[in-house]
Amino acid sequence: MADTYKLITLVGVSSKSYADATQNAVSAAAKTVRNLGWFEVKELRGRIDGKKIAEYQVKVDVAFKVSGKK
């Protein structure tokens, strides 16, 4: 049987970097979702406070396997 995945969309947030925001989203998903397989960053954005970047945000699709070989 071919593998089948379900996608969920998350927004990861970090005060450090886009990479850290992505890791935060994947780590949060891993707490409640089994069989995570891959992710795709769809959007990068952030929040500005005064003249500085205050927050990095990433919109991430995370996929988990629902059928196929384990």
N, C-alpha and C. Protein backbone atom coordinates (compact mmCIF):
# COMPACT_ATOMS: atom_id res chain seq x y z
N MET A 1 0.84 -1.17 0.00
CA MET A 1 0.00 0.00 0.00
C MET A 1 0.89 1.24 0.00
N ALA A 2 0.51 2.25 -0.74
CA ALA A 2 1.24 3.51 -0.79
C ALA A 2 1.01 4.30 0.50
N ASP A 3 2.00 5.10 0.85
CA ASP A 3 1.87 5.94 2.04
C ASP A 3 0.84 7.05 1.81
N THR A 4 0.10 7.37 2.87
CA THR A 4 -0.86 8.47 2.84
C THR A 4 -0.59 9.35 4.06
N TYR A 5 -0.60 10.66 3.85
CA TYR A 5 -0.32 11.61 4.91
C TYR A 5 -1.48 12.58 5.07
N LYS A 6 -1.63 13.09 6.28
CA LYS A 6 -2.58 14.16 6.56
C LYS A 6 -1.77 15.40 6.91
N LEU A 7 -2.21 16.55 6.40
CA LEU A 7 -1.54 17.82 6.67
C LEU A 7 -2.27 18.61 7.74
N ILE A 8 -1.48 19.22 8.62
CA ILE A 8 -2.01 20.20 9.55
C ILE A 8 -1.20 21.48 9.37
N THR A 9 -1.83 22.61 9.54
CA THR A 9 -1.14 23.89 9.41
C THR A 9 -0.97 24.50 10.79
N LEU A 10 0.26 24.93 11.08
CA LEU A 10 0.60 25.52 12.36
C LEU A 10 1.31 26.85 12.14
N VAL A 11 1.30 27.69 13.16
CA VAL A 11 2.13 28.90 13.14
C VAL A 11 3.08 28.80 14.33
N GLY A 12 4.37 28.71 14.01
CA GLY A 12 5.41 28.68 15.04
C GLY A 12 5.89 30.09 15.31
N VAL A 13 6.25 30.35 16.57
CA VAL A 13 6.66 31.69 16.98
C VAL A 13 7.95 31.59 17.78
N SER A 14 8.84 32.58 17.59
CA SER A 14 10.08 32.64 18.35
C SER A 14 10.56 34.08 18.42
N SER A 15 11.26 34.40 19.49
CA SER A 15 11.89 35.71 19.59
C SER A 15 13.32 35.67 19.04
N LYS A 16 13.79 34.46 18.63
CA LYS A 16 15.18 34.28 18.19
C LYS A 16 15.36 34.27 16.68
N SER A 17 14.60 33.40 15.98
CA SER A 17 14.83 33.22 14.54
C SER A 17 13.68 32.46 13.90
N TYR A 18 13.67 32.49 12.55
CA TYR A 18 12.69 31.69 11.81
C TYR A 18 12.93 30.20 12.03
N ALA A 19 14.19 29.79 12.08
CA ALA A 19 14.50 28.37 12.31
C ALA A 19 13.97 27.92 13.66
N ASP A 20 14.14 28.74 14.67
CA ASP A 20 13.64 28.41 16.00
C ASP A 20 12.12 28.36 16.03
N ALA A 21 11.48 29.26 15.30
CA ALA A 21 10.02 29.25 15.21
C ALA A 21 9.53 27.97 14.55
N THR A 22 10.24 27.52 13.51
CA THR A 22 9.89 26.27 12.83
C THR A 22 10.04 25.10 13.78
N GLN A 23 11.15 25.05 14.51
CA GLN A 23 11.38 23.96 15.47
C GLN A 23 10.30 23.96 16.55
N ASN A 24 9.90 25.13 17.00
CA ASN A 24 8.84 25.22 18.02
C ASN A 24 7.53 24.63 17.51
N ALA A 25 7.19 24.89 16.26
CA ALA A 25 5.95 24.35 15.70
C ALA A 25 6.02 22.83 15.60
N VAL A 26 7.14 22.30 15.10
CA VAL A 26 7.28 20.85 14.95
C VAL A 26 7.30 20.17 16.32
N SER A 27 8.01 20.76 17.27
CA SER A 27 8.06 20.19 18.63
C SER A 27 6.69 20.16 19.29
N ALA A 28 5.92 21.22 19.10
CA ALA A 28 4.57 21.26 19.67
C ALA A 28 3.69 20.19 19.04
N ALA A 29 3.78 20.01 17.73
CA ALA A 29 2.99 18.98 17.05
C ALA A 29 3.37 17.59 17.56
N ALA A 30 4.66 17.37 17.78
CA ALA A 30 5.14 16.05 18.21
C ALA A 30 4.61 15.64 19.58
N LYS A 31 4.15 16.60 20.37
CA LYS A 31 3.62 16.28 21.70
C LYS A 31 2.29 15.54 21.62
N THR A 32 1.51 15.77 20.54
CA THR A 32 0.18 15.15 20.46
C THR A 32 -0.07 14.37 19.17
N VAL A 33 0.82 14.48 18.20
CA VAL A 33 0.62 13.81 16.91
C VAL A 33 1.72 12.77 16.71
N ARG A 34 1.31 11.54 16.37
CA ARG A 34 2.28 10.48 16.10
C ARG A 34 2.58 10.39 14.61
N ASN A 35 3.66 9.74 14.28
CA ASN A 35 4.06 9.44 12.89
C ASN A 35 4.31 10.69 12.05
N LEU A 36 4.89 11.74 12.65
CA LEU A 36 5.25 12.92 11.87
C LEU A 36 6.23 12.52 10.78
N GLY A 37 6.03 13.05 9.58
CA GLY A 37 6.88 12.64 8.47
C GLY A 37 7.68 13.76 7.85
N TRP A 38 7.09 14.92 7.70
CA TRP A 38 7.79 16.03 7.05
C TRP A 38 7.09 17.34 7.35
N PHE A 39 7.76 18.44 6.99
CA PHE A 39 7.17 19.77 7.15
C PHE A 39 7.55 20.61 5.94
N GLU A 40 6.77 21.67 5.73
CA GLU A 40 7.05 22.63 4.67
C GLU A 40 6.70 24.02 5.18
N VAL A 41 7.68 24.91 5.15
CA VAL A 41 7.44 26.29 5.56
C VAL A 41 6.73 27.01 4.42
N LYS A 42 5.57 27.56 4.71
CA LYS A 42 4.74 28.20 3.69
C LYS A 42 4.87 29.72 3.70
N GLU A 43 5.06 30.32 4.88
CA GLU A 43 5.15 31.78 4.99
C GLU A 43 6.13 32.15 6.09
N LEU A 44 6.82 33.26 5.88
CA LEU A 44 7.66 33.86 6.91
C LEU A 44 7.12 35.26 7.17
N ARG A 45 6.98 35.60 8.42
CA ARG A 45 6.55 36.95 8.78
C ARG A 45 7.03 37.24 10.19
N GLY A 46 6.77 38.42 10.67
CA GLY A 46 7.21 38.77 12.02
C GLY A 46 6.48 39.98 12.55
N ARG A 47 6.81 40.29 13.78
CA ARG A 47 6.21 41.44 14.45
C ARG A 47 7.32 42.42 14.81
N ILE A 48 7.08 43.69 14.60
CA ILE A 48 8.04 44.74 14.89
C ILE A 48 7.59 45.50 16.12
N ASP A 49 8.52 45.77 17.00
CA ASP A 49 8.26 46.58 18.19
C ASP A 49 9.25 47.74 18.16
N GLY A 50 8.73 48.92 17.90
CA GLY A 50 9.62 50.07 17.74
C GLY A 50 10.39 49.95 16.44
N LYS A 51 11.71 49.84 16.53
CA LYS A 51 12.56 49.70 15.35
C LYS A 51 13.21 48.32 15.26
N LYS A 52 12.78 47.39 16.11
CA LYS A 52 13.42 46.08 16.17
C LYS A 52 12.42 44.95 15.91
N ILE A 53 12.95 43.84 15.42
CA ILE A 53 12.15 42.63 15.26
C ILE A 53 11.88 42.07 16.65
N ALA A 54 10.61 41.92 16.98
CA ALA A 54 10.22 41.42 18.29
C ALA A 54 9.86 39.94 18.25
N GLU A 55 9.42 39.47 17.07
CA GLU A 55 8.93 38.09 16.99
C GLU A 55 9.03 37.59 15.56
N TYR A 56 9.52 36.37 15.42
CA TYR A 56 9.55 35.68 14.12
C TYR A 56 8.39 34.70 14.09
N GLN A 57 7.69 34.65 12.97
CA GLN A 57 6.55 33.75 12.82
C GLN A 57 6.70 32.97 11.52
N VAL A 58 6.38 31.69 11.58
CA VAL A 58 6.39 30.85 10.37
C VAL A 58 5.07 30.09 10.28
N LYS A 59 4.51 30.06 9.10
CA LYS A 59 3.34 29.23 8.83
C LYS A 59 3.88 27.94 8.25
N VAL A 60 3.58 26.82 8.89
CA VAL A 60 4.18 25.54 8.55
C VAL A 60 3.10 24.48 8.33
N ASP A 61 3.21 23.76 7.23
CA ASP A 61 2.41 22.54 7.05
C ASP A 61 3.23 21.38 7.58
N VAL A 62 2.63 20.61 8.48
CA VAL A 62 3.28 19.43 9.06
C VAL A 62 2.44 18.23 8.66
N ALA A 63 3.11 17.18 8.20
CA ALA A 63 2.39 15.99 7.74
C ALA A 63 2.68 14.80 8.66
N PHE A 64 1.64 14.00 8.85
CA PHE A 64 1.81 12.74 9.58
C PHE A 64 1.18 11.62 8.79
N LYS A 65 1.81 10.46 8.91
CA LYS A 65 1.38 9.29 8.15
C LYS A 65 0.11 8.70 8.75
N VAL A 66 -0.88 8.46 7.89
CA VAL A 66 -2.12 7.83 8.35
C VAL A 66 -2.25 6.41 7.84
N SER A 67 -1.46 6.04 6.80
CA SER A 67 -1.46 4.66 6.32
C SER A 67 -0.19 4.40 5.53
N GLY A 68 0.09 3.12 5.34
CA GLY A 68 1.26 2.72 4.58
C GLY A 68 2.25 1.96 5.46
N LYS A 69 3.42 1.70 4.91
CA LYS A 69 4.46 0.95 5.63
C LYS A 69 4.96 1.75 6.82
N LYS A 70 5.22 1.05 7.90
CA LYS A 70 5.78 1.68 9.11
C LYS A 70 7.28 1.55 9.13
